[in-house]
Amino acid sequence: MRVIKDADQRKNEILDAAETLFTLKGFDKTSTNEILEAVGIARGTLYYHFKSKEDIMDALIERHTSRLLNAAKEIAEDKGKPVYDRIIQSVRALKMNQSGKEVLEHIHRPQNALMHQKVQKTILNGLTPILAGIIREGIEDNLFQTPYPYECVEMLVVYASTVFDGDMLDISQQEYASRAQALIFNVERLLGVESGTLSFASEIFEKETEG
């Protein structure tokens, strides 16, 4: 007897199977037949939900981005944590884990520049209001002094997503570290805090420079 499943449930099953295969074998070396076998569905069912393997990857990227932003939002809204901790943890939540490695590599391929731009736009539009909300709380608590909380965060996110992205600028590890320190230095001034107040934020970049 054929099992009929909800469309969203079936779609997520396809995405889960594809993500596992993409991670284990890579996007290019994974065939649609392997995805079909992993899920146990007919080709027509696959194409009902996705037009192609590339369409599946697009959906995976969208799902990853949504999950990351939701995780960042959940952290930002946890008022039981200090403002500074929430800022750090919200930014860290946006780093793709090992399960998203193939997705991340796919995004950074030259032929996927438009997709990469779409992801950056989604992060910019999603993360900026999340962090701006925390900054506004910091202003109320007299931690920050700025009449432009949203604009400050927007500048930070745009700069960070460009310079530390890995595709836009060809910089050495030393240059990377220098720009990280410069960013913290300037963010302190944008937010109106004393020099050194946000030095702890350097831990956001330390893991990126290891290895």
N, C-alpha and C. Protein backbone atom coordinates (compact mmCIF):
# COMPACT_ATOMS: atom_id res chain seq x y z
N MET A 1 0.84 -1.20 0.00
CA MET A 1 0.00 0.00 0.00
C MET A 1 0.88 1.25 0.00
N ARG A 2 0.60 2.14 -0.92
CA ARG A 2 1.40 3.35 -1.03
C ARG A 2 1.07 4.32 0.09
N VAL A 3 2.14 4.88 0.68
CA VAL A 3 1.96 5.83 1.77
C VAL A 3 1.89 7.24 1.19
N ILE A 4 0.81 7.94 1.48
CA ILE A 4 0.63 9.31 1.00
C ILE A 4 1.00 10.26 2.13
N LYS A 5 1.95 11.14 1.86
CA LYS A 5 2.42 12.05 2.89
C LYS A 5 2.09 13.49 2.53
N ASP A 6 2.04 14.32 3.57
CA ASP A 6 1.82 15.74 3.39
C ASP A 6 2.93 16.31 2.51
N ALA A 7 2.58 17.29 1.67
CA ALA A 7 3.54 17.86 0.71
C ALA A 7 4.78 18.42 1.40
N ASP A 8 4.58 19.15 2.48
CA ASP A 8 5.72 19.73 3.21
C ASP A 8 6.60 18.64 3.82
N GLN A 9 5.95 17.60 4.33
CA GLN A 9 6.71 16.50 4.93
C GLN A 9 7.56 15.81 3.87
N ARG A 10 6.96 15.56 2.71
CA ARG A 10 7.71 14.91 1.62
C ARG A 10 8.84 15.80 1.13
N LYS A 11 8.57 17.08 1.02
CA LYS A 11 9.58 18.03 0.56
C LYS A 11 10.77 18.05 1.51
N ASN A 12 10.49 18.04 2.80
CA ASN A 12 11.58 18.04 3.78
C ASN A 12 12.35 16.73 3.78
N GLU A 13 11.67 15.64 3.51
CA GLU A 13 12.36 14.35 3.40
C GLU A 13 13.36 14.37 2.24
N ILE A 14 12.96 14.96 1.14
CA ILE A 14 13.84 15.09 -0.02
C ILE A 14 15.04 15.96 0.32
N LEU A 15 14.77 17.08 0.99
CA LEU A 15 15.85 17.99 1.37
C LEU A 15 16.80 17.34 2.36
N ASP A 16 16.27 16.60 3.32
CA ASP A 16 17.12 15.93 4.31
C ASP A 16 18.03 14.91 3.63
N ALA A 17 17.46 14.12 2.72
CA ALA A 17 18.24 13.10 2.02
C ALA A 17 19.30 13.74 1.13
N ALA A 18 18.91 14.81 0.43
CA ALA A 18 19.84 15.50 -0.46
C ALA A 18 20.98 16.13 0.35
N GLU A 19 20.65 16.73 1.48
CA GLU A 19 21.67 17.36 2.31
C GLU A 19 22.69 16.34 2.79
N THR A 20 22.21 15.18 3.20
CA THR A 20 23.11 14.11 3.66
C THR A 20 24.03 13.66 2.53
N LEU A 21 23.45 13.46 1.35
CA LEU A 21 24.24 13.01 0.20
C LEU A 21 25.22 14.09 -0.27
N PHE A 22 24.77 15.33 -0.29
CA PHE A 22 25.65 16.42 -0.71
C PHE A 22 26.84 16.54 0.24
N THR A 23 26.59 16.33 1.54
CA THR A 23 27.65 16.43 2.53
C THR A 23 28.63 15.28 2.41
N LEU A 24 28.11 14.08 2.16
CA LEU A 24 28.97 12.89 2.07
C LEU A 24 29.72 12.81 0.74
N LYS A 25 29.04 13.13 -0.36
CA LYS A 25 29.62 12.92 -1.69
C LYS A 25 29.95 14.21 -2.44
N GLY A 26 29.35 15.29 -2.00
CA GLY A 26 29.50 16.54 -2.74
C GLY A 26 28.33 16.74 -3.68
N PHE A 27 28.04 17.99 -4.01
CA PHE A 27 26.90 18.31 -4.88
C PHE A 27 27.04 17.71 -6.26
N ASP A 28 28.20 17.90 -6.88
CA ASP A 28 28.40 17.45 -8.26
C ASP A 28 28.36 15.93 -8.40
N LYS A 29 28.82 15.22 -7.39
CA LYS A 29 28.91 13.75 -7.46
C LYS A 29 27.65 13.05 -6.99
N THR A 30 26.67 13.81 -6.56
CA THR A 30 25.40 13.22 -6.15
C THR A 30 24.42 13.28 -7.32
N SER A 31 23.82 12.15 -7.64
CA SER A 31 22.85 12.11 -8.74
C SER A 31 21.43 12.17 -8.20
N THR A 32 20.51 12.56 -9.06
CA THR A 32 19.11 12.60 -8.65
C THR A 32 18.61 11.18 -8.35
N ASN A 33 19.16 10.19 -9.05
CA ASN A 33 18.76 8.80 -8.78
C ASN A 33 19.08 8.41 -7.35
N GLU A 34 20.23 8.86 -6.85
CA GLU A 34 20.61 8.55 -5.47
C GLU A 34 19.67 9.21 -4.48
N ILE A 35 19.22 10.40 -4.80
CA ILE A 35 18.26 11.08 -3.94
C ILE A 35 16.93 10.33 -3.94
N LEU A 36 16.52 9.89 -5.13
CA LEU A 36 15.28 9.12 -5.25
C LEU A 36 15.33 7.85 -4.41
N GLU A 37 16.45 7.15 -4.52
CA GLU A 37 16.62 5.89 -3.77
C GLU A 37 16.64 6.14 -2.27
N ALA A 38 17.28 7.22 -1.86
CA ALA A 38 17.39 7.51 -0.43
C ALA A 38 16.02 7.82 0.18
N VAL A 39 15.17 8.48 -0.60
CA VAL A 39 13.85 8.85 -0.09
C VAL A 39 12.82 7.74 -0.36
N GLY A 40 13.07 6.97 -1.43
CA GLY A 40 12.14 5.92 -1.80
C GLY A 40 10.92 6.43 -2.53
N ILE A 41 11.17 7.33 -3.48
CA ILE A 41 10.07 7.91 -4.25
C ILE A 41 10.33 7.81 -5.74
N ALA A 42 9.29 8.04 -6.53
CA ALA A 42 9.41 8.02 -7.98
C ALA A 42 9.94 9.37 -8.47
N ARG A 43 10.49 9.36 -9.67
CA ARG A 43 11.05 10.59 -10.23
C ARG A 43 9.99 11.68 -10.35
N GLY A 44 8.78 11.29 -10.70
CA GLY A 44 7.70 12.26 -10.84
C GLY A 44 7.40 13.00 -9.54
N THR A 45 7.53 12.27 -8.42
CA THR A 45 7.29 12.89 -7.12
C THR A 45 8.36 13.92 -6.82
N LEU A 46 9.61 13.58 -7.16
CA LEU A 46 10.71 14.52 -6.95
C LEU A 46 10.49 15.79 -7.75
N TYR A 47 10.15 15.63 -9.03
CA TYR A 47 10.00 16.80 -9.89
C TYR A 47 8.71 17.58 -9.61
N TYR A 48 7.82 16.98 -8.85
CA TYR A 48 6.62 17.72 -8.41
C TYR A 48 7.03 18.81 -7.42
N HIS A 49 8.05 18.49 -6.60
CA HIS A 49 8.51 19.43 -5.58
C HIS A 49 9.68 20.29 -6.05
N PHE A 50 10.56 19.72 -6.88
CA PHE A 50 11.77 20.42 -7.32
C PHE A 50 12.00 20.19 -8.80
N LYS A 51 12.37 21.24 -9.52
CA LYS A 51 12.58 21.14 -10.96
C LYS A 51 13.89 20.46 -11.31
N SER A 52 14.88 20.57 -10.42
CA SER A 52 16.21 20.03 -10.71
C SER A 52 17.01 19.88 -9.43
N LYS A 53 18.21 19.32 -9.56
CA LYS A 53 19.10 19.19 -8.41
C LYS A 53 19.51 20.57 -7.91
N GLU A 54 19.68 21.51 -8.83
CA GLU A 54 20.03 22.88 -8.46
C GLU A 54 18.90 23.52 -7.66
N ASP A 55 17.66 23.20 -8.03
CA ASP A 55 16.50 23.72 -7.32
C ASP A 55 16.48 23.19 -5.88
N ILE A 56 16.92 21.95 -5.71
CA ILE A 56 17.00 21.36 -4.37
C ILE A 56 18.04 22.11 -3.54
N MET A 57 19.18 22.42 -4.17
CA MET A 57 20.22 23.16 -3.46
C MET A 57 19.73 24.56 -3.07
N ASP A 58 19.00 25.20 -3.96
CA ASP A 58 18.43 26.52 -3.65
C ASP A 58 17.55 26.43 -2.40
N ALA A 59 16.74 25.38 -2.35
CA ALA A 59 15.83 25.20 -1.21
C ALA A 59 16.60 24.91 0.07
N LEU A 60 17.70 24.16 -0.06
CA LEU A 60 18.54 23.87 1.10
C LEU A 60 19.17 25.15 1.65
N ILE A 61 19.63 26.00 0.74
CA ILE A 61 20.24 27.27 1.14
C ILE A 61 19.21 28.13 1.86
N GLU A 62 18.00 28.18 1.31
CA GLU A 62 16.93 28.96 1.93
C GLU A 62 16.60 28.41 3.31
N ARG A 63 16.57 27.07 3.42
CA ARG A 63 16.25 26.46 4.71
C ARG A 63 17.35 26.72 5.73
N HIS A 64 18.60 26.62 5.29
CA HIS A 64 19.73 26.90 6.19
C HIS A 64 19.69 28.34 6.68
N THR A 65 19.49 29.26 5.75
CA THR A 65 19.47 30.68 6.11
C THR A 65 18.35 30.97 7.10
N SER A 66 17.18 30.39 6.86
CA SER A 66 16.05 30.58 7.74
C SER A 66 16.34 30.04 9.14
N ARG A 67 16.95 28.87 9.20
CA ARG A 67 17.28 28.27 10.49
C ARG A 67 18.29 29.11 11.26
N LEU A 68 19.29 29.60 10.55
CA LEU A 68 20.32 30.41 11.19
C LEU A 68 19.74 31.70 11.75
N LEU A 69 18.90 32.35 10.96
CA LEU A 69 18.30 33.60 11.41
C LEU A 69 17.33 33.37 12.57
N ASN A 70 16.60 32.26 12.53
CA ASN A 70 15.69 31.94 13.63
C ASN A 70 16.47 31.66 14.91
N ALA A 71 17.63 31.00 14.77
CA ALA A 71 18.47 30.73 15.94
C ALA A 71 19.00 32.03 16.52
N ALA A 72 19.42 32.94 15.63
CA ALA A 72 19.93 34.24 16.08
C ALA A 72 18.82 35.04 16.78
N LYS A 73 17.62 34.98 16.23
CA LYS A 73 16.50 35.71 16.80
C LYS A 73 16.14 35.16 18.18
N GLU A 74 16.17 33.85 18.31
CA GLU A 74 15.84 33.22 19.60
C GLU A 74 16.82 33.66 20.68
N ILE A 75 18.10 33.71 20.31
CA ILE A 75 19.13 34.16 21.26
C ILE A 75 18.92 35.62 21.62
N ALA A 76 18.65 36.44 20.60
CA ALA A 76 18.48 37.89 20.82
C ALA A 76 17.32 38.18 21.76
N GLU A 77 16.29 37.36 21.71
CA GLU A 77 15.09 37.60 22.50
C GLU A 77 15.17 37.03 23.92
N ASP A 78 16.26 36.34 24.22
CA ASP A 78 16.44 35.76 25.55
C ASP A 78 16.99 36.84 26.49
N LYS A 79 16.11 37.58 27.11
CA LYS A 79 16.51 38.71 27.94
C LYS A 79 17.10 38.28 29.28
N GLY A 80 17.19 36.98 29.49
CA GLY A 80 17.85 36.48 30.69
C GLY A 80 19.36 36.52 30.55
N LYS A 81 19.82 36.73 29.31
CA LYS A 81 21.26 36.83 29.05
C LYS A 81 21.68 38.29 28.91
N PRO A 82 22.89 38.64 29.31
CA PRO A 82 23.38 40.01 29.16
C PRO A 82 23.39 40.46 27.69
N VAL A 83 23.28 41.74 27.49
CA VAL A 83 23.26 42.30 26.13
C VAL A 83 24.49 41.89 25.34
N TYR A 84 25.68 42.02 25.93
CA TYR A 84 26.90 41.70 25.21
C TYR A 84 26.93 40.23 24.79
N ASP A 85 26.51 39.34 25.67
CA ASP A 85 26.49 37.91 25.36
C ASP A 85 25.56 37.61 24.19
N ARG A 86 24.42 38.28 24.18
CA ARG A 86 23.45 38.04 23.11
C ARG A 86 23.97 38.52 21.75
N ILE A 87 24.72 39.61 21.77
CA ILE A 87 25.29 40.10 20.51
C ILE A 87 26.25 39.07 19.94
N ILE A 88 27.17 38.59 20.77
CA ILE A 88 28.16 37.61 20.34
C ILE A 88 27.50 36.32 19.88
N GLN A 89 26.59 35.81 20.68
CA GLN A 89 25.96 34.53 20.37
C GLN A 89 25.04 34.60 19.15
N SER A 90 24.41 35.76 18.95
CA SER A 90 23.56 35.92 17.76
C SER A 90 24.37 35.88 16.48
N VAL A 91 25.53 36.54 16.51
CA VAL A 91 26.41 36.54 15.34
C VAL A 91 26.96 35.14 15.11
N ARG A 92 27.37 34.47 16.18
CA ARG A 92 27.91 33.12 16.06
C ARG A 92 26.89 32.14 15.51
N ALA A 93 25.63 32.37 15.79
CA ALA A 93 24.57 31.48 15.34
C ALA A 93 24.46 31.45 13.82
N LEU A 94 25.01 32.47 13.17
CA LEU A 94 24.92 32.55 11.71
C LEU A 94 26.02 31.78 10.99
N LYS A 95 26.95 31.22 11.75
CA LYS A 95 28.01 30.44 11.11
C LYS A 95 27.51 29.04 10.79
N MET A 96 27.60 28.67 9.54
CA MET A 96 27.14 27.34 9.14
C MET A 96 28.01 26.27 9.79
N ASN A 97 27.36 25.23 10.33
CA ASN A 97 28.10 24.13 10.94
C ASN A 97 28.56 23.15 9.87
N GLN A 98 29.13 22.05 10.29
CA GLN A 98 29.70 21.08 9.36
C GLN A 98 28.66 20.54 8.38
N SER A 99 27.42 20.37 8.85
CA SER A 99 26.37 19.83 7.99
C SER A 99 26.04 20.77 6.84
N GLY A 100 26.43 22.04 6.97
CA GLY A 100 26.16 22.99 5.91
C GLY A 100 27.37 23.29 5.04
N LYS A 101 28.43 22.50 5.19
CA LYS A 101 29.67 22.76 4.47
C LYS A 101 29.48 22.73 2.96
N GLU A 102 28.79 21.72 2.46
CA GLU A 102 28.58 21.61 1.02
C GLU A 102 27.72 22.75 0.50
N VAL A 103 26.75 23.15 1.29
CA VAL A 103 25.90 24.29 0.92
C VAL A 103 26.74 25.55 0.82
N LEU A 104 27.61 25.75 1.81
CA LEU A 104 28.46 26.94 1.83
C LEU A 104 29.42 26.96 0.63
N GLU A 105 30.01 25.80 0.33
CA GLU A 105 30.93 25.71 -0.81
C GLU A 105 30.19 25.99 -2.12
N HIS A 106 28.97 25.50 -2.21
CA HIS A 106 28.18 25.70 -3.42
C HIS A 106 27.89 27.18 -3.63
N ILE A 107 27.54 27.86 -2.56
CA ILE A 107 27.23 29.29 -2.63
C ILE A 107 28.41 30.09 -3.15
N HIS A 108 29.63 29.68 -2.75
CA HIS A 108 30.82 30.46 -3.07
C HIS A 108 31.43 30.13 -4.44
N ARG A 109 30.80 29.28 -5.19
CA ARG A 109 31.31 29.01 -6.53
C ARG A 109 31.04 30.21 -7.43
N PRO A 110 31.99 30.54 -8.31
CA PRO A 110 31.83 31.72 -9.18
C PRO A 110 30.53 31.73 -9.97
N GLN A 111 30.11 30.55 -10.45
CA GLN A 111 28.88 30.49 -11.26
C GLN A 111 27.62 30.72 -10.45
N ASN A 112 27.77 30.72 -9.12
CA ASN A 112 26.61 30.92 -8.25
C ASN A 112 26.63 32.30 -7.59
N ALA A 113 27.22 33.25 -8.28
CA ALA A 113 27.35 34.61 -7.72
C ALA A 113 25.98 35.21 -7.38
N LEU A 114 24.98 34.98 -8.21
CA LEU A 114 23.66 35.53 -7.97
C LEU A 114 23.05 34.91 -6.71
N MET A 115 23.25 33.61 -6.55
CA MET A 115 22.76 32.92 -5.37
C MET A 115 23.45 33.45 -4.12
N HIS A 116 24.76 33.67 -4.24
CA HIS A 116 25.55 34.20 -3.14
C HIS A 116 25.02 35.58 -2.74
N GLN A 117 24.73 36.39 -3.72
CA GLN A 117 24.20 37.72 -3.47
C GLN A 117 22.85 37.64 -2.77
N LYS A 118 22.03 36.67 -3.17
CA LYS A 118 20.72 36.48 -2.56
C LYS A 118 20.85 36.13 -1.08
N VAL A 119 21.82 35.26 -0.76
CA VAL A 119 22.03 34.86 0.63
C VAL A 119 22.50 36.05 1.46
N GLN A 120 23.44 36.83 0.90
CA GLN A 120 23.93 38.01 1.61
C GLN A 120 22.80 39.01 1.88
N LYS A 121 21.94 39.18 0.89
CA LYS A 121 20.81 40.10 1.05
C LYS A 121 19.87 39.62 2.15
N THR A 122 19.63 38.30 2.17
CA THR A 122 18.75 37.72 3.18
C THR A 122 19.33 37.91 4.58
N ILE A 123 20.65 37.69 4.71
CA ILE A 123 21.33 37.86 6.00
C ILE A 123 21.28 39.32 6.44
N LEU A 124 21.56 40.22 5.49
CA LEU A 124 21.54 41.66 5.81
C LEU A 124 20.17 42.09 6.30
N ASN A 125 19.12 41.70 5.57
CA ASN A 125 17.77 42.11 5.93
C ASN A 125 17.25 41.40 7.18
N GLY A 126 17.80 40.21 7.45
CA GLY A 126 17.33 39.45 8.60
C GLY A 126 18.10 39.74 9.87
N LEU A 127 19.42 39.84 9.77
CA LEU A 127 20.25 40.02 10.96
C LEU A 127 20.22 41.45 11.49
N THR A 128 20.18 42.43 10.60
CA THR A 128 20.24 43.83 11.03
C THR A 128 19.16 44.18 12.07
N PRO A 129 17.89 43.88 11.81
CA PRO A 129 16.88 44.22 12.83
C PRO A 129 17.03 43.43 14.12
N ILE A 130 17.57 42.21 14.03
CA ILE A 130 17.77 41.39 15.22
C ILE A 130 18.81 42.04 16.13
N LEU A 131 19.96 42.40 15.56
CA LEU A 131 21.02 43.03 16.35
C LEU A 131 20.63 44.44 16.78
N ALA A 132 19.91 45.14 15.93
CA ALA A 132 19.49 46.51 16.27
C ALA A 132 18.60 46.49 17.50
N GLY A 133 17.78 45.45 17.63
CA GLY A 133 16.92 45.33 18.80
C GLY A 133 17.73 45.21 20.09
N ILE A 134 18.83 44.44 20.02
CA ILE A 134 19.69 44.28 21.19
C ILE A 134 20.39 45.60 21.51
N ILE A 135 20.83 46.30 20.48
CA ILE A 135 21.51 47.58 20.68
C ILE A 135 20.56 48.59 21.34
N ARG A 136 19.31 48.58 20.92
CA ARG A 136 18.33 49.50 21.52
C ARG A 136 18.17 49.21 23.01
N GLU A 137 18.19 47.94 23.36
CA GLU A 137 18.13 47.58 24.79
C GLU A 137 19.35 48.12 25.52
N GLY A 138 20.52 48.02 24.84
CA GLY A 138 21.74 48.52 25.43
C GLY A 138 21.71 50.02 25.64
N ILE A 139 21.04 50.72 24.74
CA ILE A 139 20.89 52.18 24.87
C ILE A 139 20.02 52.49 26.09
N GLU A 140 18.94 51.72 26.25
CA GLU A 140 18.06 51.93 27.41
C GLU A 140 18.79 51.66 28.73
N ASP A 141 19.74 50.71 28.67
CA ASP A 141 20.50 50.36 29.88
C ASP A 141 21.76 51.21 30.03
N ASN A 142 21.90 52.24 29.17
CA ASN A 142 23.05 53.14 29.19
C ASN A 142 24.38 52.44 28.89
N LEU A 143 24.31 51.36 28.12
CA LEU A 143 25.53 50.68 27.71
C LEU A 143 26.07 51.31 26.43
N PHE A 144 25.17 51.77 25.57
CA PHE A 144 25.54 52.38 24.30
C PHE A 144 24.98 53.79 24.20
N GLN A 145 25.64 54.60 23.40
CA GLN A 145 25.22 55.98 23.19
C GLN A 145 25.22 56.28 21.69
N THR A 146 24.09 56.07 21.04
CA THR A 146 24.00 56.39 19.62
C THR A 146 22.54 56.66 19.25
N PRO A 147 22.31 57.68 18.43
CA PRO A 147 20.94 57.94 17.97
C PRO A 147 20.59 57.09 16.74
N TYR A 148 21.55 56.29 16.27
CA TYR A 148 21.34 55.51 15.05
C TYR A 148 21.64 54.02 15.27
N PRO A 149 20.89 53.34 16.12
CA PRO A 149 21.17 51.92 16.39
C PRO A 149 21.05 51.03 15.15
N TYR A 150 19.99 51.25 14.37
CA TYR A 150 19.78 50.40 13.18
C TYR A 150 20.87 50.65 12.15
N GLU A 151 21.15 51.91 11.91
CA GLU A 151 22.16 52.26 10.90
C GLU A 151 23.55 51.77 11.29
N CYS A 152 23.87 51.82 12.58
CA CYS A 152 25.17 51.31 13.06
C CYS A 152 25.30 49.83 12.76
N VAL A 153 24.25 49.08 13.07
CA VAL A 153 24.28 47.64 12.83
C VAL A 153 24.35 47.35 11.33
N GLU A 154 23.61 48.11 10.56
CA GLU A 154 23.61 47.92 9.11
C GLU A 154 25.01 48.10 8.54
N MET A 155 25.72 49.15 8.99
CA MET A 155 27.10 49.38 8.55
C MET A 155 27.98 48.19 8.93
N LEU A 156 27.81 47.69 10.16
CA LEU A 156 28.59 46.57 10.65
C LEU A 156 28.36 45.32 9.81
N VAL A 157 27.09 45.00 9.56
CA VAL A 157 26.76 43.78 8.82
C VAL A 157 27.22 43.86 7.37
N VAL A 158 27.03 45.01 6.75
CA VAL A 158 27.46 45.18 5.35
C VAL A 158 28.98 45.02 5.23
N TYR A 159 29.70 45.68 6.12
CA TYR A 159 31.16 45.60 6.09
C TYR A 159 31.63 44.18 6.35
N ALA A 160 31.10 43.56 7.41
CA ALA A 160 31.54 42.22 7.78
C ALA A 160 31.22 41.19 6.70
N SER A 161 30.03 41.29 6.11
CA SER A 161 29.63 40.32 5.09
C SER A 161 30.42 40.48 3.80
N THR A 162 31.03 41.65 3.63
CA THR A 162 31.86 41.89 2.44
C THR A 162 33.31 41.53 2.67
N VAL A 163 33.90 42.08 3.71
CA VAL A 163 35.33 41.89 3.97
C VAL A 163 35.66 40.48 4.46
N PHE A 164 34.81 39.91 5.30
CA PHE A 164 35.11 38.61 5.88
C PHE A 164 34.42 37.46 5.16
N ASP A 165 33.85 37.75 4.02
CA ASP A 165 33.13 36.74 3.26
C ASP A 165 34.07 35.73 2.62
N GLY A 166 35.23 36.18 2.18
CA GLY A 166 36.18 35.26 1.56
C GLY A 166 36.23 35.36 0.05
N ASP A 167 35.22 35.96 -0.56
CA ASP A 167 35.17 36.06 -2.02
C ASP A 167 35.49 37.47 -2.52
N MET A 168 35.09 38.46 -1.76
CA MET A 168 35.19 39.83 -2.23
C MET A 168 36.63 40.36 -2.22
N LEU A 169 37.37 40.03 -1.15
CA LEU A 169 38.74 40.52 -1.01
C LEU A 169 39.72 39.37 -0.82
N ASP A 170 40.84 39.48 -1.46
CA ASP A 170 41.90 38.47 -1.31
C ASP A 170 42.89 38.99 -0.28
N ILE A 171 42.70 38.61 0.99
CA ILE A 171 43.55 39.12 2.06
C ILE A 171 44.20 37.98 2.83
N SER A 172 45.35 38.28 3.40
CA SER A 172 46.08 37.29 4.19
C SER A 172 45.45 37.15 5.58
N GLN A 173 45.89 36.15 6.33
CA GLN A 173 45.40 35.96 7.69
C GLN A 173 45.73 37.18 8.55
N GLN A 174 46.92 37.74 8.33
CA GLN A 174 47.33 38.92 9.09
C GLN A 174 46.42 40.11 8.77
N GLU A 175 46.12 40.29 7.50
CA GLU A 175 45.24 41.38 7.08
C GLU A 175 43.82 41.16 7.61
N TYR A 176 43.42 39.91 7.63
CA TYR A 176 42.10 39.54 8.16
C TYR A 176 42.01 39.96 9.64
N ALA A 177 43.04 39.59 10.41
CA ALA A 177 43.07 39.91 11.84
C ALA A 177 43.08 41.42 12.07
N SER A 178 43.83 42.14 11.21
CA SER A 178 43.91 43.59 11.34
C SER A 178 42.56 44.24 11.07
N ARG A 179 41.86 43.74 10.08
CA ARG A 179 40.54 44.30 9.75
C ARG A 179 39.52 43.98 10.85
N ALA A 180 39.67 42.82 11.47
CA ALA A 180 38.78 42.46 12.57
C ALA A 180 38.95 43.44 13.74
N GLN A 181 40.21 43.75 14.06
CA GLN A 181 40.48 44.70 15.13
C GLN A 181 40.00 46.10 14.77
N ALA A 182 40.18 46.47 13.51
CA ALA A 182 39.73 47.78 13.05
C ALA A 182 38.21 47.89 13.12
N LEU A 183 37.54 46.81 12.79
CA LEU A 183 36.08 46.81 12.85
C LEU A 183 35.60 47.03 14.28
N ILE A 184 36.19 46.31 15.21
CA ILE A 184 35.81 46.46 16.62
C ILE A 184 36.10 47.88 17.10
N PHE A 185 37.25 48.40 16.72
CA PHE A 185 37.65 49.77 17.08
C PHE A 185 36.60 50.78 16.63
N ASN A 186 36.15 50.64 15.39
CA ASN A 186 35.20 51.60 14.84
C ASN A 186 33.78 51.38 15.35
N VAL A 187 33.42 50.13 15.62
CA VAL A 187 32.09 49.87 16.18
C VAL A 187 31.96 50.50 17.55
N GLU A 188 33.04 50.47 18.32
CA GLU A 188 33.03 51.11 19.64
C GLU A 188 32.70 52.59 19.51
N ARG A 189 33.22 53.23 18.50
CA ARG A 189 32.95 54.65 18.30
C ARG A 189 31.55 54.89 17.76
N LEU A 190 31.08 54.01 16.92
CA LEU A 190 29.73 54.14 16.42
C LEU A 190 28.69 54.01 17.54
N LEU A 191 28.99 53.14 18.49
CA LEU A 191 28.06 52.89 19.59
C LEU A 191 28.31 53.79 20.79
N GLY A 192 29.37 54.60 20.72
CA GLY A 192 29.63 55.55 21.79
C GLY A 192 30.10 54.93 23.09
N VAL A 193 30.96 53.90 22.99
CA VAL A 193 31.50 53.29 24.21
C VAL A 193 33.01 53.53 24.27
N GLU A 194 33.58 53.35 25.44
CA GLU A 194 35.01 53.58 25.61
C GLU A 194 35.83 52.54 24.84
N SER A 195 37.01 52.96 24.42
CA SER A 195 37.91 52.07 23.70
C SER A 195 38.24 50.85 24.55
N GLY A 196 38.12 49.68 23.95
CA GLY A 196 38.41 48.44 24.66
C GLY A 196 37.18 47.76 25.23
N THR A 197 36.05 48.48 25.25
CA THR A 197 34.82 47.92 25.81
C THR A 197 34.37 46.66 25.07
N LEU A 198 34.56 46.67 23.76
CA LEU A 198 34.09 45.54 22.94
C LEU A 198 35.23 44.63 22.50
N SER A 199 36.35 44.69 23.19
CA SER A 199 37.50 43.85 22.81
C SER A 199 37.16 42.36 22.85
N PHE A 200 36.22 41.99 23.71
CA PHE A 200 35.81 40.60 23.83
C PHE A 200 35.22 40.07 22.51
N ALA A 201 34.74 41.00 21.67
CA ALA A 201 34.11 40.60 20.42
C ALA A 201 35.10 39.98 19.44
N SER A 202 36.40 40.10 19.74
CA SER A 202 37.40 39.52 18.84
C SER A 202 37.26 38.01 18.76
N GLU A 203 36.61 37.39 19.77
CA GLU A 203 36.42 35.94 19.75
C GLU A 203 35.54 35.50 18.59
N ILE A 204 34.74 36.39 18.06
CA ILE A 204 33.92 36.06 16.90
C ILE A 204 34.80 35.68 15.71
N PHE A 205 35.93 36.38 15.61
CA PHE A 205 36.82 36.18 14.46
C PHE A 205 37.91 35.15 14.69
N GLU A 206 38.23 34.84 15.95
CA GLU A 206 39.34 33.95 16.24
C GLU A 206 39.17 32.57 15.63
N LYS A 207 37.99 32.00 15.72
CA LYS A 207 37.76 30.68 15.19
C LYS A 207 37.88 30.67 13.68
N GLU A 208 37.59 31.79 13.05
CA GLU A 208 37.71 31.88 11.60
C GLU A 208 39.15 31.82 11.14
N THR A 209 40.07 32.26 11.99
CA THR A 209 41.46 32.32 11.56
C THR A 209 42.26 31.08 11.95
N GLU A 210 41.66 30.17 12.73
CA GLU A 210 42.38 28.97 13.11
C GLU A 210 42.60 28.08 11.91
N GLY A 211 43.75 27.44 11.87
CA GLY A 211 44.07 26.53 10.77
C GLY A 211 44.38 27.26 9.51
